[in-house]
Amino acid sequence: MRLTRLVVQDVRVIRSVALELHGQLNVLVGGNGAGKSSLLEAVHLLGTGRSFRTREIEKVVRAGAQELSVFGEGVDPRGTFRRVGVTKGMAGARIRLDGEDVRGVASIARVIPLAVFGPESLEVVEGAPERRRALVDWALFHVEQGYGEGLQRYRRAVRQRNALLRASPMRREARIWEEELVQEGERLDRWRTAYIGNLAPRLSTLLSDLWPRSSQVHYRRGWASGMTLQEALERSWEADRARGWTGPGAHAADLIFRIGDRQARDVLSRGERKIFVAATLLAHVAYIRDRCGNAPIILADDIPSELDEGGQRWFLERLRLTGSQIFATALQPEFFSLPPSVDHKMFHVERGVVRNLL
């Protein structure tokens, strides 16, 4: 879905803003703390029901307000007019899609798929495996029918098995949840393996434009190769019982990024890591676009601080080739020295007030 209109109320420094948006490129410029990132955060709330900066909603609601609200209108790839609204506050949350209340965020996430590039994105290379798994799960949620539901069933089975591990020493009782855990875990693994096989050459091709070193991404599934997940659970029973939680499984999967024969985090400079993350984002977006025909909205926060001049040009050029609707921020409009052929809208943001420049 491409957003044509965005209405934001009481999100951080923003009291009330209504914007008519461009279908391809929307540029937000202004000083630090002006509210540029808050507008990106509002779009993220609209597509996921949560902030990309914090899980604590009280930090996102404007000081003095009781709740925030974000409303968006747009057209999906089939030409259908859609309306999405999210209201959140201390009293709870409400999500509306096309005038109807919906439960959970899955419905709006499918309507407004998102990809974020910003300061937090380096966690893809530097952070814990959870961050990399989330990247894979996000993509597969959008392209594989039933992936999200299967992931929920798998997580429930792991939680129940963990509870039994702590409550009972009997092996037969822990097996109660293992059938579902194994079935869903191995299915997730097949989806993830196929996805990484598709992602790896895309990432390598993107990075070949910038450096001659070979770039690879490998999938580590979360249990030993050469055995089924059921066999891995049997072998780890005593260790699992001693620690009170399940060791092997899809919840222990990870992505391994390599440059040559070394892990990317050990060989890349901070600037090169930013380029690597940007290329990973672009590869994910291209995969979803090619599989679904619906390119995710891209939120690119403060590109100049994340990339050097050469990396900025490389990223901006490839962003425009994705076919995505883009929301990008920078301190100065001069950063986006766009040729006349690139149609876009530019907004100036200052103290939560937004003014249309173009």
Protein backbone atom coordinates (compact mmCIF):
# COMPACT_ATOMS: atom_id res chain seq x y z
CA MET A 1 0.00 0.00 0.00
CA ARG A 2 1.18 3.51 -0.82
CA LEU A 3 0.08 6.15 1.62
CA THR A 4 -1.55 9.21 0.10
CA ARG A 5 -2.50 10.91 3.38
CA LEU A 6 -1.09 10.74 6.91
CA VAL A 7 -2.63 12.27 10.04
CA VAL A 8 -0.55 12.22 13.24
CA GLN A 9 -1.62 13.37 16.69
CA ASP A 10 0.38 13.48 19.92
CA VAL A 11 3.41 11.46 18.79
CA ARG A 12 6.41 12.77 20.74
CA VAL A 13 6.82 16.49 19.82
CA ILE A 14 4.09 16.39 17.18
CA ARG A 15 0.75 17.74 18.40
CA SER A 16 -1.27 17.52 15.19
CA VAL A 17 -0.11 17.12 11.57
CA ALA A 18 -1.97 16.20 8.36
CA LEU A 19 0.14 15.52 5.26
CA GLU A 20 -0.68 14.84 1.61
CA LEU A 21 2.07 12.46 0.57
CA HIS A 22 4.00 11.63 -2.58
CA GLY A 23 3.66 8.09 -3.86
CA GLN A 24 7.41 7.61 -4.29
CA LEU A 25 9.72 9.91 -2.33
CA ASN A 26 8.90 12.01 0.73
CA VAL A 27 11.83 13.99 2.15
CA LEU A 28 11.72 15.36 5.72
CA VAL A 29 14.31 17.98 6.64
CA GLY A 30 14.94 19.91 9.84
CA GLY A 31 17.18 20.22 12.86
CA ASN A 32 17.88 17.65 15.54
CA GLY A 33 14.86 17.07 17.74
CA ALA A 34 12.51 18.82 15.29
CA GLY A 35 10.26 15.78 14.85
CA LYS A 36 11.50 14.19 11.61
CA SER A 37 12.13 10.79 13.16
CA SER A 38 8.83 11.08 15.03
CA LEU A 39 7.00 11.16 11.68
CA LEU A 40 8.82 8.00 10.60
CA GLU A 41 7.90 6.51 13.96
CA ALA A 42 4.25 7.39 13.28
CA VAL A 43 4.33 5.54 9.94
CA HIS A 44 5.90 2.57 11.72
CA LEU A 45 3.11 2.63 14.31
CA LEU A 46 0.59 2.62 11.48
CA GLY A 47 2.12 -0.51 9.92
CA THR A 48 3.12 -2.50 13.00
CA GLY A 49 1.27 -1.05 15.99
CA ARG A 50 4.55 -0.25 17.70
CA SER A 51 7.51 2.12 17.66
CA PHE A 52 10.86 1.15 16.13
CA ARG A 53 12.64 3.05 18.94
CA THR A 54 11.04 1.78 22.16
CA ARG A 55 8.48 -0.67 23.53
CA GLU A 56 7.34 1.81 26.18
CA ILE A 57 4.35 3.63 24.73
CA GLU A 58 4.47 6.35 27.41
CA LYS A 59 7.75 7.53 25.85
CA VAL A 60 6.05 7.96 22.47
CA VAL A 61 2.86 9.75 23.58
CA ARG A 62 3.40 13.54 23.60
CA ALA A 63 3.97 14.98 27.07
CA GLY A 64 0.64 16.04 28.56
CA ALA A 65 -1.46 13.87 26.23
CA GLN A 66 -3.29 10.68 27.21
CA GLU A 67 -2.89 8.81 23.94
CA LEU A 68 -1.52 9.05 20.42
CA SER A 69 -3.24 8.37 17.14
CA VAL A 70 -2.05 7.82 13.58
CA PHE A 71 -4.34 7.57 10.57
CA GLY A 72 -3.42 6.76 7.00
CA GLU A 73 -5.17 6.47 3.65
CA GLY A 74 -3.82 4.95 0.48
CA VAL A 75 -4.17 2.52 -2.37
CA ASP A 76 -3.01 -1.10 -2.38
CA PRO A 77 -1.37 -2.85 -5.38
CA ARG A 78 -4.79 -3.91 -6.68
CA GLY A 79 -6.00 -0.32 -6.73
CA THR A 80 -8.23 -0.69 -3.67
CA PHE A 81 -8.61 2.33 -1.42
CA ARG A 82 -7.64 1.46 2.18
CA ARG A 83 -7.82 3.23 5.55
CA VAL A 84 -5.75 2.31 8.61
CA GLY A 85 -5.83 3.83 12.08
CA VAL A 86 -3.92 3.13 15.30
CA THR A 87 -4.66 4.65 18.70
CA LYS A 88 -2.45 3.83 21.70
CA GLY A 89 -2.16 5.09 25.25
CA MET A 90 -2.15 4.10 28.89
CA ALA A 91 -5.72 2.82 28.56
CA GLY A 92 -4.84 0.39 25.78
CA ALA A 93 -4.77 0.22 22.01
CA ARG A 94 -7.28 0.28 19.18
CA ILE A 95 -6.59 -0.72 15.58
CA ARG A 96 -8.99 -0.03 12.71
CA LEU A 97 -8.79 -1.23 9.14
CA ASP A 98 -11.21 0.09 6.52
CA GLY A 99 -13.57 1.34 9.21
CA GLU A 100 -13.64 -1.90 11.23
CA ASP A 101 -11.93 -2.72 14.52
CA VAL A 102 -9.37 -5.54 14.22
CA ARG A 103 -7.52 -7.57 16.81
CA GLY A 104 -3.76 -7.88 16.62
CA VAL A 105 -1.38 -6.21 14.19
CA ALA A 106 -1.11 -8.93 11.54
CA SER A 107 -3.90 -7.39 9.43
CA ILE A 108 -2.32 -3.94 9.22
CA ALA A 109 1.20 -5.37 8.83
CA ARG A 110 0.08 -7.14 5.66
CA VAL A 111 -1.52 -3.98 4.30
CA ILE A 112 1.48 -1.72 5.14
CA PRO A 113 4.74 -3.74 4.95
CA LEU A 114 7.69 -1.68 6.22
CA ALA A 115 11.48 -1.68 6.15
CA VAL A 116 13.57 0.59 8.40
CA PHE A 117 17.11 1.88 7.96
CA GLY A 118 18.54 3.98 10.77
CA PRO A 119 20.89 4.00 13.75
CA GLU A 120 19.35 0.83 15.21
CA SER A 121 19.89 -1.09 11.96
CA LEU A 122 23.52 -1.88 12.78
CA GLU A 123 22.21 -4.46 15.24
CA VAL A 124 21.68 -6.71 12.22
CA VAL A 125 25.46 -7.17 12.10
CA GLU A 126 26.49 -6.34 15.66
CA GLY A 127 23.54 -7.45 17.76
CA ALA A 128 22.15 -10.69 19.14
CA PRO A 129 20.70 -13.46 16.93
CA GLU A 130 17.15 -12.33 17.79
CA ARG A 131 17.64 -9.24 15.64
CA ARG A 132 18.69 -11.26 12.60
CA ARG A 133 15.92 -13.82 13.06
CA ALA A 134 13.42 -10.97 13.23
CA LEU A 135 14.63 -9.75 9.84
CA VAL A 136 14.04 -13.17 8.28
CA ASP A 137 10.68 -13.66 10.03
CA TRP A 138 9.52 -10.22 8.87
CA ALA A 139 10.21 -11.05 5.23
CA LEU A 140 8.68 -14.52 5.35
CA PHE A 141 5.58 -13.23 7.12
CA HIS A 142 4.85 -11.18 4.01
CA VAL A 143 5.65 -13.76 1.34
CA GLU A 144 4.72 -17.19 2.75
CA GLN A 145 1.10 -18.01 3.46
CA GLY A 146 0.85 -19.39 6.99
CA TYR A 147 4.34 -18.42 8.13
CA GLY A 148 3.15 -16.00 10.82
CA GLU A 149 0.64 -18.47 12.22
CA GLY A 150 3.22 -21.28 12.17
CA LEU A 151 5.71 -19.11 14.03
CA GLN A 152 3.10 -18.36 16.70
CA ARG A 153 2.31 -22.07 17.13
CA TYR A 154 6.01 -22.89 17.38
CA ARG A 155 6.64 -20.26 20.03
CA ARG A 156 3.66 -21.49 22.05
CA ALA A 157 4.96 -25.07 21.94
CA VAL A 158 8.41 -23.94 23.13
CA ARG A 159 6.87 -21.95 26.01
CA GLN A 160 4.78 -24.94 27.10
CA ARG A 161 7.69 -27.35 26.90
CA ASN A 162 9.83 -24.94 28.92
CA ALA A 163 7.12 -24.75 31.59
CA LEU A 164 7.01 -28.54 31.79
CA LEU A 165 10.80 -28.74 32.00
CA ARG A 166 10.68 -26.58 35.12
CA ALA A 167 7.62 -28.24 36.65
CA SER A 168 8.22 -31.94 36.07
CA PRO A 169 11.29 -34.19 35.70
CA MET A 170 9.31 -36.75 33.66
CA ARG A 171 10.41 -37.09 30.04
CA ARG A 172 7.02 -38.31 28.81
CA GLU A 173 5.29 -35.12 29.99
CA ALA A 174 7.66 -32.84 28.05
CA ARG A 175 6.85 -34.83 24.90
CA ILE A 176 3.28 -33.56 25.06
CA TRP A 177 4.28 -30.39 23.22
CA GLU A 178 7.15 -31.80 21.18
CA GLU A 179 5.05 -33.03 18.29
CA GLU A 180 3.88 -29.51 17.47
CA LEU A 181 7.29 -28.03 18.29
CA VAL A 182 9.03 -30.41 15.87
CA GLN A 183 6.43 -30.10 13.12
CA GLU A 184 6.36 -26.31 13.13
CA GLY A 185 10.08 -25.91 13.83
CA GLU A 186 11.13 -28.02 10.86
CA ARG A 187 8.62 -26.24 8.62
CA LEU A 188 10.00 -22.84 9.66
CA ASP A 189 13.47 -24.16 8.96
CA ARG A 190 12.55 -25.17 5.40
CA TRP A 191 11.08 -21.74 4.69
CA ARG A 192 14.09 -19.96 6.16
CA THR A 193 16.60 -22.11 4.27
CA ALA A 194 14.88 -21.39 0.95
CA TYR A 195 14.69 -17.70 1.76
CA ILE A 196 18.40 -17.35 2.58
CA GLY A 197 19.22 -19.24 -0.62
CA ASN A 198 17.35 -16.51 -2.48
CA LEU A 199 18.70 -13.60 -0.43
CA ALA A 200 22.42 -14.51 -0.58
CA PRO A 201 23.02 -13.85 -4.31
CA ARG A 202 21.02 -10.60 -4.15
CA LEU A 203 23.21 -9.33 -1.31
CA SER A 204 26.41 -10.42 -3.04
CA THR A 205 25.41 -8.63 -6.26
CA LEU A 206 24.56 -5.38 -4.44
CA LEU A 207 27.85 -5.30 -2.57
CA SER A 208 29.92 -6.20 -5.63
CA ASP A 209 29.28 -2.63 -6.83
CA LEU A 210 31.22 -1.29 -3.84
CA TRP A 211 34.05 -3.66 -2.98
CA PRO A 212 35.84 -6.62 -4.54
CA ARG A 213 35.65 -8.87 -1.47
CA SER A 214 33.20 -11.75 -1.56
CA SER A 215 30.15 -11.30 0.66
CA GLN A 216 28.11 -14.23 1.91
CA VAL A 217 25.20 -14.95 4.20
CA HIS A 218 24.75 -18.39 5.76
CA TYR A 219 21.83 -19.79 7.73
CA ARG A 220 22.47 -21.66 11.00
CA ARG A 221 19.27 -23.49 11.77
CA GLY A 222 19.47 -23.92 15.55
CA TRP A 223 20.25 -27.63 15.97
CA ALA A 224 23.00 -29.96 14.78
CA SER A 225 23.14 -30.91 11.13
CA GLY A 226 22.56 -34.51 10.22
CA MET A 227 19.72 -35.05 12.69
CA THR A 228 16.04 -34.25 12.96
CA LEU A 229 14.76 -31.74 15.48
CA GLN A 230 13.16 -34.61 17.44
CA GLU A 231 16.54 -36.34 17.66
CA ALA A 232 18.14 -33.10 18.81
CA LEU A 233 15.51 -32.70 21.55
CA GLU A 234 16.07 -36.27 22.75
CA ARG A 235 19.81 -35.73 22.92
CA SER A 236 19.50 -32.43 24.80
CA TRP A 237 16.91 -33.63 27.33
CA GLU A 238 19.19 -33.75 30.36
CA ALA A 239 20.77 -30.37 29.59
CA ASP A 240 17.36 -28.83 28.91
CA ARG A 241 15.95 -30.16 32.18
CA ALA A 242 18.93 -28.86 34.14
CA ARG A 243 18.63 -25.32 32.79
CA GLY A 244 14.83 -25.24 32.55
CA TRP A 245 14.50 -24.26 28.90
CA THR A 246 14.71 -25.79 25.43
CA GLY A 247 18.12 -25.50 23.75
CA PRO A 248 17.83 -26.76 20.17
CA GLY A 249 15.21 -25.52 17.76
CA ALA A 250 14.20 -22.83 15.30
CA HIS A 251 14.29 -20.28 18.15
CA ALA A 252 18.09 -20.72 18.24
CA ALA A 253 18.62 -20.04 14.52
CA ASP A 254 20.97 -17.32 13.31
CA LEU A 255 22.36 -15.69 10.19
CA ILE A 256 26.11 -15.63 9.71
CA PHE A 257 27.39 -12.77 7.54
CA ARG A 258 30.87 -13.29 6.10
CA ILE A 259 33.37 -11.25 4.15
CA GLY A 260 35.75 -13.73 2.60
CA ASP A 261 36.31 -16.39 5.27
CA ARG A 262 35.75 -14.10 8.28
CA GLN A 263 32.61 -12.89 10.03
CA ALA A 264 31.52 -9.47 8.80
CA ARG A 265 31.45 -7.92 12.29
CA ASP A 266 35.13 -8.84 12.76
CA VAL A 267 36.45 -7.41 9.51
CA LEU A 268 34.26 -4.43 8.53
CA SER A 269 34.75 -0.87 9.75
CA ARG A 270 31.72 0.90 11.21
CA GLY A 271 31.13 2.71 7.91
CA GLU A 272 31.38 -0.54 5.95
CA ARG A 273 28.94 -2.19 8.37
CA LYS A 274 26.42 0.54 7.57
CA ILE A 275 26.81 -0.18 3.86
CA PHE A 276 26.44 -3.90 4.55
CA VAL A 277 23.23 -3.32 6.49
CA ALA A 278 21.88 -1.01 3.78
CA ALA A 279 22.55 -3.68 1.16
CA THR A 280 20.85 -6.31 3.34
CA LEU A 281 17.79 -4.08 3.63
CA LEU A 282 17.68 -3.53 -0.14
CA ALA A 283 17.98 -7.28 -0.79
CA HIS A 284 15.08 -7.99 1.60
CA VAL A 285 12.92 -5.31 -0.03
CA ALA A 286 13.64 -6.64 -3.53
CA TYR A 287 12.75 -10.17 -2.44
CA ILE A 288 9.38 -9.11 -1.01
CA ARG A 289 8.63 -6.94 -4.05
CA ASP A 290 9.41 -9.75 -6.49
CA ARG A 291 7.40 -12.34 -4.56
CA CYS A 292 4.38 -10.21 -3.61
CA GLY A 293 4.27 -7.43 -6.17
CA ASN A 294 4.03 -5.03 -3.24
CA ALA A 295 7.25 -3.22 -2.36
CA PRO A 296 7.48 -2.33 1.35
CA ILE A 297 7.45 1.28 2.46
CA ILE A 298 11.03 2.26 3.35
CA LEU A 299 11.75 4.49 6.34
CA ALA A 300 15.31 5.84 6.01
CA ASP A 301 16.26 7.87 9.06
CA ASP A 302 19.15 10.36 8.82
CA ILE A 303 21.06 8.78 5.93
CA PRO A 304 23.94 11.32 6.05
CA SER A 305 24.92 10.30 9.59
CA GLU A 306 24.81 6.61 8.73
CA LEU A 307 26.81 6.58 5.47
CA ASP A 308 29.77 8.41 3.95
CA GLU A 309 29.31 10.48 0.79
CA GLY A 310 29.94 7.61 -1.63
CA GLY A 311 27.68 5.31 0.36
CA GLN A 312 24.96 7.96 0.45
CA ARG A 313 24.90 8.26 -3.34
CA TRP A 314 24.96 4.49 -3.77
CA PHE A 315 22.09 3.99 -1.28
CA LEU A 316 19.89 6.80 -2.61
CA GLU A 317 20.24 5.59 -6.18
CA ARG A 318 19.26 2.05 -5.24
CA LEU A 319 16.46 3.18 -2.96
CA ARG A 320 14.81 4.88 -5.91
CA LEU A 321 15.12 1.67 -7.96
CA THR A 322 13.20 -0.42 -5.42
CA GLY A 323 9.79 0.87 -6.47
CA SER A 324 9.00 1.52 -2.80
CA GLN A 325 7.37 4.56 -1.31
CA ILE A 326 10.21 6.18 0.65
CA PHE A 327 10.25 8.44 3.70
CA ALA A 328 13.75 9.82 4.24
CA THR A 329 15.14 12.36 6.72
CA ALA A 330 18.15 14.69 6.74
CA LEU A 331 19.25 17.87 8.49
CA GLN A 332 19.50 19.95 5.30
CA PRO A 333 17.56 19.87 2.02
CA GLU A 334 20.87 20.19 0.14
CA PHE A 335 21.62 16.57 1.01
CA PHE A 336 18.89 15.48 -1.38
CA SER A 337 20.33 17.13 -4.49
CA LEU A 338 17.84 15.33 -6.69
CA PRO A 339 17.74 15.78 -10.47
CA PRO A 340 14.60 17.42 -11.91
CA SER A 341 13.48 14.06 -13.27
CA VAL A 342 12.98 12.69 -9.73
CA ASP A 343 9.50 13.69 -8.64
CA HIS A 344 9.11 14.03 -4.87
CA LYS A 345 7.72 16.05 -1.98
CA MET A 346 9.85 17.84 0.61
CA PHE A 347 8.66 18.83 4.07
CA HIS A 348 10.38 21.05 6.61
CA VAL A 349 9.91 19.98 10.23
CA GLU A 350 10.52 22.34 13.15
CA ARG A 351 9.34 21.83 16.75
CA GLY A 352 6.76 19.33 15.62
CA VAL A 353 5.29 21.65 12.96
CA VAL A 354 5.50 20.46 9.34
CA ARG A 355 5.56 22.75 6.32
CA ASN A 356 5.43 21.64 2.69
CA LEU A 357 8.48 22.94 0.76
CA LEU A 358 7.78 21.32 -2.60
